[in-house]
Structures are given as C-alpha cells and as structure tokens.
Amino acid sequence: MSKDSKEKNSVKDLKKSLFYNKKNAYQILKDDEIKKINKFSEGYKSFLDASKTEREACEFAVEAARDNGFKEYKRGMKLKAGDKIYVNNRGKAVILAVIGTDDISDGLRICAAHIDSPRLDLKQCPVYEDSELALFKTHYYGGIKKYQWTTVPLSLHGVLVKSDGSKITVNIGEDPEDPQFVVNDLLIHLAADQMKKPLMSAIEGEDLNILIGSRPFKSDEGSDLVKLNILNILYEKYGITEEDFLSAELEAVPACKARDIGFDRSMVGGYGHDDRVCAYPALEAILTVEEPEKTSVVVLTDKEETGSEGNTGLQSSYLRYFISDLASDFGVRDTTVFSNSQCMSSDVNAGFDPTYPNVMEKMNCAFLNYGVVITKYTGSRGKSGTSDASAEFTGRIRNLLNKNNVIWQTGELGKVDCGGGGTVAAYIANLNIDTIDVGVPVLSMHAPFEVISKVDVYMAYRAFKVFLED
C-alpha cells in the first residue's frame, strides 16, 4: 500500500471515530426490523383514525389499559411491584403506571405526551342561517394556518350535555354513510382582492364558518327555515335543542383517514400526528412493561396546544397530586420522589422539508427516517419557555439509546429567531424532575394532513420502552 493510500485510510478512520455522522435508518435496518416497523405503523394508523380528539384518545387508552390488566387507581390502594394502574382525568387525560421493584423514593420514569391537536371548536351559540344556508360559527383551537382549513371535508366529534344532565356523544362524518361538512372559500374568479392579502389575513378567524345545510323546513311561514330544519333533524336524532349547544364540546376535525404516503409506503399521512404520534408509542410501551425496576408512568395529557392551562393540562396539579398520592401510599415524601424522577417529554419536532429549507439550520435539525429526535431545548428567541435539559441528563439519554440500538438524532425547531415553540417539558421540569424532549419529526405540522416516517414512530416506541424499563 502506498504512503498516500495509508494517509487516506488514516484520515478516513479518524473522521469515522471523531465526526458525528447521522445515517438514514434504512441504510442500517435489516429486513426483519423493517417488517416490525410496518406492522407497528398499522396499529398506529388505526389509533389515529379512532382518536381524533383528546376524549377519543383517552377512551382508547383506558380501554387498552383495562384489556392489559390495568386497574383504576384509588388513593390508599395496597400496591406491589408489577401492579398496573391508571387514572382517568375527566375523560380528557389519562395517567398509566406500572409499579417497579425499586423503592418509589428512588424516583419514577415518566413519558408525557399530549393528545389534543389543532382543530375548529364550535362556539357556544354556533347555529345560524344566512341567505338560506345554515352554518356553524367556530373558534379555532391551537396554532393553525387558517387558509388550510377551507374546502377540507370535516367531521364533527364531541359531547353535548343536556339540561337534565344526560350526555350525548357525537361522531358524524367518519362513517362512509355519514354526511360531512366544510368551510367554504372564495372562488378564484372573484378572489383578486383576497389574493393580494398576506396569508395570515386572507382568511379571518370569523370566516371559518362550517356549512351544515341548505334545505328549508317544509313551510313558507317565517324566517330561518333552513336553521329550523337543521335543528329539527338534530332534535329527532339526538333529542337536543339549540340551548344544549351552550353546554357542549364539539370539535370539527378533518374527516380523512390515515394513509401510507409514497410509492415505497415509508411514511404515514393523517390528521393529528402532533402529538398522537408520540402518545401512541408511549401507550404501547407502557402496555408491554411488566415489572420494571423504577415505577413507570405514562401521561397522556390535554390542552398542550393552548398552553397546557386548565385542569386537564399539565400546568394544573393533576400529575403532581397523583405522584403525591402514590408516594403517600408507600410512606415516602413526594418531594423525594419528584427529585429522583426522570422524564421524556414526548413531543414532536419539525422535520426538514427541502421545499422550505431557509427556516432550518441543517446542522441542527431533524430529518425523516433518521430516528427519534432528542430536543435538548425548545422555546423561541433566547430559549424562552424551555426547560433546557442538563448535559448530564442529555448524556444519560444518549447513552441509553446507544446501548439499546435505538436510532436517534438531535434537532431544534428551526433557526434562531425564526419562530419556535414549546412542549410540556417545562411544566414537568418545574416539579424538580430531570426532563428532556424526545419525539418524532413531522412535516406540515399543525396542518389538517401531516406526514411522519414509519421508522421514526417505531424508534420513538423503542426509546420510550427502554427508558421506562431502565
């Protein structure tokens, strides 16, 4: 071998040992692993279709927990290693736990994902008629590009509580025989002025009105006959009146089903990847945990998209109360449990899109098919609103994933000063719990139809499972 060849090999070996080199997972994975990934994605698609609201996701999780031997937790229960428990918080958030063999004072292993997604909520007085068309007034929930929600087939999900206290569950638009609904847009032929406006203001929030009918009641007397006909249909089917909308939570969501994306079927498209793409692998992970050393906890929470406020969001005390009650059951101080616990805040990050490269810094962003994303800090501008995981805890997670052959990458949510966003990490870290964001990269985040990689969601499952069992 020539001197030049030896030097080239030496440089190659040195680069291999010193450089941080990320690889596309498909260049690493074996065929049997790819089969597992594809099988896992089928279960995920079914979950996504069945869980378009936080209530439905909570119901799905509770049913799966019961099927896998979890019992509803009550304070004061006699618990032992291997016991599986859950808490259902008002039908909109759920905590699942498997009691570990170690003393609970040694801390918990927590994965926390949110199960709410951007959508259109109906206002309390939503039904109106204008020019012989019946419509719903809406108030959008979470951060959306409003123009994306026009001309998209919508379904209606949620509950109405009647004056007598009885509750009606609504799910219209998912069955092939159901009607669907839509927010209209202005036809291109008359949209010259609209198209001169910035995207942010081309569609106003008050313009997101949902078309629900056009047929008048069989009478030629009086006004609002189309509205009357709609309310009459709802009364005959559900026994509700217009006043019952005052005590309702009704959400309009895209009526599309989750589908494989690409000729190679390597991706999944659907509504609500943010953040059910992390909620599902976290749920699957704890359902298969048997007798961990540390007590394992998965939190599927509500209200993240609006700031985690309210009694089903993680700025409330429901998680703290659960951990405090659990500590009391074992006769230890809750502050000790908090201080020794660790958490993967299981939320999504932005995937790099070559159509829009200018908002990303390619050395520090996430790519599809490169595995689950470790996000050391989130926030915006000067890391505002982030918990910023310590180097020690980041190193522990890095080593844990490497040791268990979990494919992972790091990423930030865009360039500095380009925008940013937050997760529930800060609220858990505020309990004196070591916390880091670990989740799945998403394309078209917060759109009615988002895209993720099958590899990445499976690697999220593997990451959560080894963490809960560690």
Protein backbone atom coordinates (compact mmCIF):
# COMPACT_ATOMS: atom_id res chain seq x y z
CA MET A 1 0.00 0.00 0.00
CA SER A 2 1.38 3.41 -0.94
CA LYS A 3 2.04 6.16 1.53
CA ASP A 4 -0.80 8.22 0.03
CA SER A 5 -3.24 5.31 0.43
CA LYS A 6 -2.22 4.82 4.07
CA GLU A 7 -2.73 8.51 4.79
CA LYS A 8 -6.16 8.45 3.11
CA ASN A 9 -7.20 5.43 5.17
CA SER A 10 -5.89 7.08 8.30
CA VAL A 11 -7.90 10.23 7.61
CA LYS A 12 -10.99 8.12 6.85
CA ASP A 13 -10.62 6.18 10.10
CA LEU A 14 -10.02 9.39 12.03
CA LYS A 15 -13.14 11.01 10.59
CA LYS A 16 -15.14 7.89 11.41
CA SER A 17 -14.02 7.97 15.02
CA LEU A 18 -14.24 11.74 15.59
CA PHE A 19 -17.08 13.07 13.43
CA TYR A 20 -20.75 12.89 14.40
CA ASN A 21 -22.29 11.09 11.44
CA LYS A 22 -26.04 10.59 11.14
CA LYS A 23 -27.37 7.92 8.79
CA ASN A 24 -30.73 7.23 7.20
CA ALA A 25 -32.23 4.34 9.17
CA TYR A 26 -32.99 2.37 6.02
CA GLN A 27 -29.23 2.13 5.41
CA ILE A 28 -28.86 0.40 8.77
CA LEU A 29 -32.01 -1.64 9.34
CA LYS A 30 -32.39 -5.31 8.48
CA ASP A 31 -35.43 -6.70 6.69
CA ASP A 32 -36.94 -8.26 9.81
CA GLU A 33 -36.75 -4.91 11.60
CA ILE A 34 -38.48 -3.18 8.69
CA LYS A 35 -41.30 -5.74 8.94
CA LYS A 36 -41.73 -4.86 12.63
CA ILE A 37 -41.81 -1.17 11.73
CA ASN A 38 -44.50 -1.67 9.09
CA LYS A 39 -46.61 -3.78 11.45
CA PHE A 40 -46.32 -1.15 14.20
CA SER A 41 -47.44 1.57 11.79
CA GLU A 42 -50.65 -0.32 11.02
CA GLY A 43 -51.61 -0.20 14.70
CA TYR A 44 -50.69 3.47 14.80
CA LYS A 45 -52.91 4.29 11.80
CA SER A 46 -55.84 2.55 13.49
CA PHE A 47 -55.23 4.58 16.65
CA LEU A 48 -55.04 7.81 14.66
CA ASP A 49 -58.36 7.14 12.94
CA ALA A 50 -60.07 6.20 16.22
CA SER A 51 -58.64 9.09 18.27
CA LYS A 52 -59.29 12.39 16.52
CA THR A 53 -60.00 14.23 19.77
CA GLU A 54 -58.50 14.13 23.24
CA ARG A 55 -61.66 12.45 24.55
CA GLU A 56 -61.43 9.67 21.98
CA ALA A 57 -57.70 9.18 22.58
CA CYS A 58 -58.31 8.99 26.33
CA GLU A 59 -61.10 6.45 25.82
CA PHE A 60 -58.83 4.39 23.54
CA ALA A 61 -56.03 4.42 26.13
CA VAL A 62 -58.29 3.46 29.04
CA GLU A 63 -59.84 0.59 27.11
CA ALA A 64 -56.40 -0.67 26.06
CA ALA A 65 -55.18 -0.36 29.66
CA ARG A 66 -58.08 -2.41 31.01
CA ASP A 67 -57.53 -5.05 28.33
CA ASN A 68 -53.91 -5.31 29.51
CA GLY A 69 -54.66 -5.74 33.21
CA PHE A 70 -54.57 -2.15 34.45
CA LYS A 71 -56.88 -1.27 37.35
CA GLU A 72 -58.31 2.14 38.19
CA TYR A 73 -56.18 3.74 40.89
CA LYS A 74 -57.67 4.90 44.17
CA ARG A 75 -55.65 6.62 46.86
CA GLY A 76 -54.74 4.19 49.62
CA MET A 77 -54.60 1.10 47.41
CA LYS A 78 -52.24 -1.63 48.54
CA LEU A 79 -49.75 -1.77 45.70
CA LYS A 80 -46.81 -4.05 44.95
CA ALA A 81 -44.23 -4.48 42.20
CA GLY A 82 -45.84 -5.35 38.88
CA ASP A 83 -49.23 -3.79 39.68
CA LYS A 84 -50.70 -1.81 36.78
CA ILE A 85 -52.89 1.21 37.49
CA TYR A 86 -54.47 4.14 35.68
CA VAL A 87 -56.21 7.44 36.44
CA ASN A 88 -58.78 8.91 34.05
CA ASN A 89 -58.83 12.70 34.43
CA ARG A 90 -62.30 13.87 33.34
CA GLY A 91 -62.24 11.75 30.21
CA LYS A 92 -59.67 14.05 28.57
CA ALA A 93 -56.32 12.98 30.07
CA VAL A 94 -55.02 9.73 31.50
CA ILE A 95 -52.11 8.53 33.63
CA LEU A 96 -50.93 4.91 33.42
CA ALA A 97 -48.36 3.39 35.77
CA VAL A 98 -46.61 0.08 36.42
CA ILE A 99 -45.18 -0.27 39.93
CA GLY A 100 -41.46 -1.05 39.93
CA THR A 101 -39.32 -3.30 42.08
CA ASP A 102 -37.19 -0.42 43.42
CA ASP A 103 -38.36 1.73 46.29
CA ILE A 104 -40.53 4.53 44.91
CA SER A 105 -38.33 7.05 46.70
CA ASP A 106 -35.72 6.24 44.02
CA GLY A 107 -37.96 8.08 41.56
CA LEU A 108 -40.16 7.39 38.57
CA ARG A 109 -39.57 7.04 34.84
CA ILE A 110 -42.15 9.27 33.12
CA CYS A 111 -43.16 9.70 29.47
CA ALA A 112 -45.57 12.59 28.85
CA ALA A 113 -47.32 13.19 25.52
CA HIS A 114 -50.35 15.29 24.63
CA ILE A 115 -53.46 14.02 22.86
CA ASP A 116 -55.08 17.29 21.78
CA SER A 117 -54.47 18.71 18.28
CA PRO A 118 -55.33 21.92 16.40
CA ARG A 119 -58.94 21.97 15.21
CA LEU A 120 -62.09 24.08 14.88
CA ASP A 121 -64.23 24.25 18.02
CA LEU A 122 -67.88 25.18 17.74
CA LYS A 123 -68.85 28.36 19.57
CA GLN A 124 -71.44 28.08 22.33
CA CYS A 125 -74.10 29.61 20.10
CA PRO A 126 -72.98 28.15 16.77
CA VAL A 127 -76.06 27.62 14.59
CA TYR A 128 -77.18 30.40 12.24
CA GLU A 129 -78.74 30.95 8.83
CA ASP A 130 -77.67 33.43 6.20
CA SER A 131 -79.06 33.67 2.65
CA GLU A 132 -80.83 30.34 3.11
CA LEU A 133 -77.69 28.44 4.08
CA ALA A 134 -77.19 27.02 7.58
CA LEU A 135 -73.75 27.26 9.16
CA PHE A 136 -71.81 26.73 12.39
CA LYS A 137 -69.74 29.52 13.92
CA THR A 138 -66.33 28.26 15.11
CA HIS A 139 -63.39 29.33 17.23
CA TYR A 140 -60.14 27.73 16.13
CA TYR A 141 -58.14 25.81 18.74
CA GLY A 142 -54.35 25.91 18.76
CA GLY A 143 -51.99 27.37 16.19
CA ILE A 144 -53.27 26.95 12.64
CA LYS A 145 -52.80 28.45 9.19
CA LYS A 146 -56.43 29.39 8.75
CA TYR A 147 -56.41 29.16 4.95
CA GLN A 148 -55.51 25.44 5.20
CA TRP A 149 -58.87 24.67 6.80
CA THR A 150 -61.05 25.82 3.91
CA THR A 151 -62.51 23.28 1.43
CA VAL A 152 -61.38 20.37 3.62
CA PRO A 153 -64.02 17.68 4.37
CA LEU A 154 -64.73 17.84 8.09
CA SER A 155 -66.28 15.52 10.65
CA LEU A 156 -67.89 16.54 13.94
CA HIS A 157 -66.83 14.95 17.24
CA GLY A 158 -67.58 15.63 20.89
CA VAL A 159 -70.29 15.72 23.50
CA LEU A 160 -73.42 17.70 24.37
CA VAL A 161 -74.72 17.77 27.94
CA LYS A 162 -78.48 18.30 28.03
CA SER A 163 -80.38 20.28 30.63
CA ASP A 164 -81.25 17.09 32.52
CA GLY A 165 -77.52 16.22 32.83
CA SER A 166 -77.54 13.40 30.29
CA LYS A 167 -74.67 13.35 27.79
CA ILE A 168 -74.86 12.80 24.05
CA THR A 169 -71.73 11.58 22.24
CA VAL A 170 -71.35 12.91 18.71
CA ASN A 171 -69.28 11.40 15.89
CA ILE A 172 -70.56 12.41 12.45
CA GLY A 173 -68.59 12.27 9.23
CA GLU A 174 -66.26 9.30 9.74
CA ASP A 175 -68.57 6.53 8.56
CA PRO A 176 -68.83 6.23 4.74
CA GLU A 177 -72.60 6.72 5.04
CA ASP A 178 -72.32 9.89 7.15
CA PRO A 179 -72.65 13.44 5.83
CA GLN A 180 -69.58 15.64 6.10
CA PHE A 181 -69.10 19.37 6.50
CA VAL A 182 -66.88 22.08 5.00
CA VAL A 183 -65.60 25.64 5.36
CA ASN A 184 -66.11 27.38 2.01
CA ASP A 185 -63.54 29.52 0.22
CA LEU A 186 -63.88 32.26 -2.38
CA LEU A 187 -63.78 31.10 -6.00
CA ILE A 188 -60.61 32.02 -7.90
CA HIS A 189 -62.62 34.06 -10.43
CA LEU A 190 -63.61 36.60 -7.76
CA ALA A 191 -60.60 36.37 -5.45
CA ALA A 192 -58.37 39.10 -6.87
CA ASP A 193 -58.58 41.26 -3.72
CA GLN A 194 -58.35 38.29 -1.37
CA MET A 195 -55.19 37.04 -3.05
CA LYS A 196 -53.47 40.39 -2.54
CA LYS A 197 -53.68 39.89 1.22
CA PRO A 198 -50.94 38.24 3.30
CA LEU A 199 -51.59 34.55 4.08
CA MET A 200 -52.17 35.44 7.73
CA SER A 201 -55.16 37.66 6.94
CA ALA A 202 -56.53 36.20 3.70
CA ILE A 203 -58.88 34.06 5.79
CA GLU A 204 -60.06 35.65 9.04
CA GLY A 205 -60.90 33.64 12.16
CA GLU A 206 -64.54 34.69 11.91
CA ASP A 207 -64.64 33.40 8.33
CA LEU A 208 -64.13 29.79 9.42
CA ASN A 209 -67.85 29.05 9.28
CA ILE A 210 -68.88 25.46 8.60
CA LEU A 211 -71.59 24.74 6.04
CA ILE A 212 -74.16 22.34 7.52
CA GLY A 213 -77.31 22.60 5.38
CA SER A 214 -79.38 24.33 2.71
CA ARG A 215 -82.83 22.73 2.80
CA PRO A 216 -85.66 24.75 4.41
CA PHE A 217 -88.26 23.32 6.72
CA LYS A 218 -91.49 22.38 4.89
CA SER A 219 -93.22 25.68 5.49
CA ASP A 220 -93.46 29.02 3.77
CA GLU A 221 -94.05 30.90 7.00
CA GLY A 222 -91.40 32.78 8.94
CA SER A 223 -87.64 33.18 8.59
CA ASP A 224 -84.65 30.92 9.38
CA LEU A 225 -86.39 27.88 7.90
CA VAL A 226 -83.09 26.22 6.95
CA LYS A 227 -81.84 26.64 10.52
CA LEU A 228 -85.16 25.30 11.78
CA ASN A 229 -84.84 22.24 9.55
CA ILE A 230 -81.30 21.52 10.84
CA LEU A 231 -82.37 21.89 14.47
CA ASN A 232 -85.37 19.69 13.83
CA ILE A 233 -83.12 16.98 12.36
CA LEU A 234 -80.83 17.20 15.43
CA TYR A 235 -83.82 17.04 17.77
CA GLU A 236 -85.29 13.99 16.05
CA LYS A 237 -81.94 12.17 16.04
CA TYR A 238 -80.43 13.27 19.37
CA GLY A 239 -83.24 14.91 21.30
CA ILE A 240 -81.30 18.17 21.59
CA THR A 241 -82.34 21.79 21.26
CA GLU A 242 -80.32 24.89 20.38
CA GLU A 243 -79.82 25.66 24.06
CA ASP A 244 -77.98 22.35 24.53
CA PHE A 245 -75.09 23.74 22.47
CA LEU A 246 -74.35 26.03 25.43
CA SER A 247 -73.05 23.01 27.39
CA ALA A 248 -71.28 21.19 24.60
CA GLU A 249 -67.74 20.46 23.45
CA LEU A 250 -67.95 19.90 19.71
CA GLU A 251 -64.87 19.79 17.53
CA ALA A 252 -64.65 19.87 13.74
CA VAL A 253 -61.66 17.85 12.52
CA PRO A 254 -60.51 16.62 9.10
CA ALA A 255 -62.55 13.61 8.01
CA CYS A 256 -59.60 11.96 6.24
CA LYS A 257 -58.23 8.56 7.24
CA ALA A 258 -54.56 7.88 7.94
CA ARG A 259 -52.86 6.57 4.80
CA ASP A 260 -49.47 5.35 3.65
CA ILE A 261 -47.57 8.06 1.78
CA GLY A 262 -45.14 7.47 -1.10
CA PHE A 263 -44.64 4.68 -3.63
CA ASP A 264 -42.41 3.00 -1.04
CA ARG A 265 -45.06 3.36 1.72
CA SER A 266 -42.35 4.65 4.06
CA MET A 267 -44.48 7.44 5.55
CA VAL A 268 -47.91 7.94 7.12
CA GLY A 269 -50.14 10.91 6.38
CA GLY A 270 -53.06 11.89 8.56
CA TYR A 271 -54.62 14.35 10.97
CA GLY A 272 -53.27 14.73 14.49
CA HIS A 273 -49.70 13.40 14.31
CA ASP A 274 -48.89 16.29 16.68
CA ASP A 275 -48.82 14.76 19.20
CA ARG A 276 -50.57 11.42 18.90
CA VAL A 277 -47.52 10.16 17.02
CA CYS A 278 -45.77 10.24 20.40
CA ALA A 279 -48.83 9.34 22.50
CA TYR A 280 -49.35 6.01 20.72
CA PRO A 281 -45.77 4.68 21.11
CA ALA A 282 -45.73 5.84 24.75
CA LEU A 283 -49.02 3.99 25.35
CA GLU A 284 -47.77 0.87 23.58
CA ALA A 285 -44.55 1.00 25.57
CA ILE A 286 -46.20 1.00 28.98
CA LEU A 287 -48.77 -1.63 27.98
CA THR A 288 -45.87 -4.04 27.43
CA VAL A 289 -43.85 -3.13 30.54
CA GLU A 290 -44.15 -5.97 33.05
CA GLU A 291 -42.02 -5.50 36.17
CA PRO A 292 -39.62 -2.56 35.78
CA GLU A 293 -37.04 -1.53 38.33
CA LYS A 294 -38.30 2.06 38.56
CA THR A 295 -42.03 2.69 38.64
CA SER A 296 -43.02 3.53 35.05
CA VAL A 297 -45.54 6.29 34.29
CA VAL A 298 -47.09 7.47 31.02
CA VAL A 299 -49.11 10.69 30.96
CA LEU A 300 -51.40 11.42 28.01
CA THR A 301 -52.45 15.00 28.60
CA ASP A 302 -54.78 17.62 27.19
CA LYS A 303 -54.60 21.35 26.35
CA GLU A 304 -50.94 21.48 25.23
CA GLU A 305 -51.89 23.28 22.02
CA THR A 306 -53.39 26.16 24.03
CA GLY A 307 -50.69 26.43 26.71
CA SER A 308 -51.45 23.42 28.97
CA GLU A 309 -53.83 25.51 31.07
CA GLY A 310 -56.94 24.11 32.76
CA ASN A 311 -57.46 21.09 34.98
CA THR A 312 -56.68 18.59 32.21
CA GLY A 313 -53.49 20.36 31.11
CA LEU A 314 -50.06 19.86 32.64
CA GLN A 315 -49.89 23.32 34.16
CA SER A 316 -52.53 22.04 36.57
CA SER A 317 -51.74 19.82 39.54
CA TYR A 318 -53.26 16.51 38.50
CA LEU A 319 -49.92 14.81 37.79
CA ARG A 320 -48.41 16.24 40.98
CA TYR A 321 -51.38 15.01 43.00
CA PHE A 322 -51.07 11.52 41.50
CA ILE A 323 -47.38 11.26 42.35
CA SER A 324 -48.02 12.67 45.84
CA ASP A 325 -50.79 10.13 46.47
CA LEU A 326 -48.58 7.32 45.19
CA ALA A 327 -45.74 8.44 47.47
CA SER A 328 -48.15 8.57 50.42
CA ASP A 329 -49.31 5.01 49.71
CA PHE A 330 -45.71 3.84 50.07
CA GLY A 331 -45.00 6.05 53.09
CA VAL A 332 -42.40 8.32 51.46
CA ARG A 333 -42.15 12.07 50.87
CA ASP A 334 -43.42 13.21 47.50
CA THR A 335 -40.58 15.74 47.20
CA THR A 336 -38.10 12.88 47.34
CA VAL A 337 -39.93 11.08 44.53
CA PHE A 338 -40.01 14.23 42.39
CA SER A 339 -36.32 14.95 42.89
CA ASN A 340 -35.24 11.45 41.88
CA SER A 341 -37.58 11.09 38.88
CA GLN A 342 -36.74 11.45 35.20
CA CYS A 343 -38.98 12.29 32.26
CA MET A 344 -39.07 12.05 28.49
CA SER A 345 -41.37 14.84 27.37
CA SER A 346 -42.71 13.02 24.33
CA ASP A 347 -43.50 15.68 21.74
CA VAL A 348 -42.84 16.23 18.06
CA ASN A 349 -40.25 18.33 16.29
CA ALA A 350 -40.17 19.80 12.78
CA GLY A 351 -38.85 17.57 10.03
CA PHE A 352 -36.61 19.14 7.38
CA ASP A 353 -38.54 19.92 4.20
CA PRO A 354 -36.35 20.64 1.13
CA THR A 355 -39.11 22.82 -0.30
CA TYR A 356 -38.69 25.21 2.65
CA PRO A 357 -35.00 24.96 3.63
CA ASN A 358 -34.48 28.57 4.69
CA VAL A 359 -36.18 28.24 8.08
CA MET A 360 -33.90 25.38 9.16
CA GLU A 361 -30.26 25.22 10.15
CA LYS A 362 -29.24 21.88 8.62
CA MET A 363 -26.58 21.00 11.19
CA ASN A 364 -29.17 21.17 13.99
CA CYS A 365 -32.48 19.99 12.59
CA ALA A 366 -34.33 16.69 12.32
CA PHE A 367 -34.78 14.60 9.18
CA LEU A 368 -37.35 11.94 8.34
CA ASN A 369 -36.03 8.36 8.63
CA TYR A 370 -33.18 9.35 10.94
CA GLY A 371 -34.92 8.11 14.06
CA VAL A 372 -36.45 9.62 17.17
CA VAL A 373 -35.40 13.21 17.92
CA ILE A 374 -33.72 14.35 21.13
CA THR A 375 -34.51 18.04 21.59
CA LYS A 376 -32.38 19.43 24.40
CA TYR A 377 -34.24 22.73 24.47
CA THR A 378 -37.27 24.27 22.77
CA GLY A 379 -38.68 27.77 23.21
CA SER A 380 -38.28 30.81 20.97
CA ARG A 381 -35.74 33.59 20.54
CA GLY A 382 -33.48 33.33 23.64
CA LYS A 383 -34.83 29.86 24.57
CA SER A 384 -37.92 31.49 26.07
CA GLY A 385 -40.29 28.95 27.60
CA THR A 386 -37.91 25.99 27.64
CA SER A 387 -36.57 23.82 30.45
CA ASP A 388 -33.23 23.16 28.63
CA ALA A 389 -32.15 19.69 29.78
CA SER A 390 -28.79 19.43 31.54
CA ALA A 391 -25.71 17.99 29.86
CA GLU A 392 -25.70 15.19 32.43
CA PHE A 393 -29.26 14.09 31.70
CA THR A 394 -28.82 14.51 27.94
CA GLY A 395 -25.73 12.31 28.17
CA ARG A 396 -27.66 9.67 30.10
CA ILE A 397 -30.41 9.52 27.47
CA ARG A 398 -27.87 9.46 24.65
CA ASN A 399 -26.03 6.54 26.22
CA LEU A 400 -29.26 4.69 26.98
CA LEU A 401 -30.42 4.85 23.36
CA ASN A 402 -27.00 3.90 22.01
CA LYS A 403 -26.74 0.93 24.38
CA ASN A 404 -30.11 -0.37 23.18
CA ASN A 405 -29.51 0.26 19.45
CA VAL A 406 -32.29 2.84 19.19
CA ILE A 407 -31.78 5.02 16.13
CA TRP A 408 -31.90 8.67 17.16
CA GLN A 409 -30.92 12.17 16.13
CA THR A 410 -30.93 15.67 17.56
CA GLY A 411 -32.92 18.65 16.36
CA GLU A 412 -34.11 22.18 17.04
CA LEU A 413 -37.39 23.76 15.96
CA GLY A 414 -35.97 25.97 13.20
CA LYS A 415 -33.33 28.65 13.02
CA VAL A 416 -32.71 31.03 15.90
CA ASP A 417 -35.26 33.90 15.79
CA CYS A 418 -37.28 32.13 13.05
CA GLY A 419 -40.12 31.28 15.41
CA GLY A 420 -40.01 28.32 17.76
CA GLY A 421 -42.43 26.56 20.07
CA GLY A 422 -42.80 24.78 23.38
CA THR A 423 -43.86 21.47 24.88
CA VAL A 424 -44.96 20.23 28.30
CA ALA A 425 -41.32 19.69 29.32
CA ALA A 426 -41.05 22.90 31.32
CA TYR A 427 -44.09 22.10 33.48
CA ILE A 428 -42.72 18.70 34.47
CA ALA A 429 -39.22 20.09 34.99
CA ASN A 430 -40.77 22.67 37.34
CA LEU A 431 -41.54 19.74 39.69
CA ASN A 432 -37.75 19.27 40.06
CA ILE A 433 -37.78 16.35 37.63
CA ASP A 434 -34.98 15.87 35.07
CA THR A 435 -36.78 16.30 31.73
CA ILE A 436 -35.86 16.23 28.06
CA ASP A 437 -37.91 16.29 24.85
CA VAL A 438 -37.81 13.08 22.82
CA GLY A 439 -40.20 12.68 19.90
CA VAL A 440 -40.91 12.30 16.20
CA PRO A 441 -40.17 14.74 13.33
CA VAL A 442 -43.26 15.90 11.42
CA LEU A 443 -43.78 17.50 8.01
CA SER A 444 -46.58 20.09 7.61
CA MET A 445 -47.01 20.28 11.38
CA HIS A 446 -50.42 21.67 12.51
CA ALA A 447 -51.89 21.26 9.03
CA PRO A 448 -55.10 19.25 8.55
CA PHE A 449 -52.93 16.50 7.00
CA GLU A 450 -49.44 15.94 8.43
CA VAL A 451 -46.73 13.45 7.44
CA ILE A 452 -44.34 11.31 9.52
CA SER A 453 -41.88 8.47 8.90
CA LYS A 454 -42.78 4.93 9.94
CA VAL A 455 -39.20 4.37 11.10
CA ASP A 456 -39.28 7.40 13.39
CA VAL A 457 -42.51 6.49 15.19
CA TYR A 458 -41.24 2.95 15.78
CA MET A 459 -37.95 4.28 17.15
CA ALA A 460 -39.98 6.52 19.47
CA TYR A 461 -41.69 3.38 20.79
CA ARG A 462 -38.34 1.68 21.32
CA ALA A 463 -36.90 4.78 23.02
CA PHE A 464 -39.85 5.08 25.42
CA LYS A 465 -39.82 1.38 26.22
CA VAL A 466 -36.11 1.16 27.09
CA PHE A 467 -36.45 4.35 29.15
CA LEU A 468 -39.45 3.06 31.11
CA GLU A 469 -37.70 -0.24 31.75
CA ASP A 470 -34.29 1.22 32.59
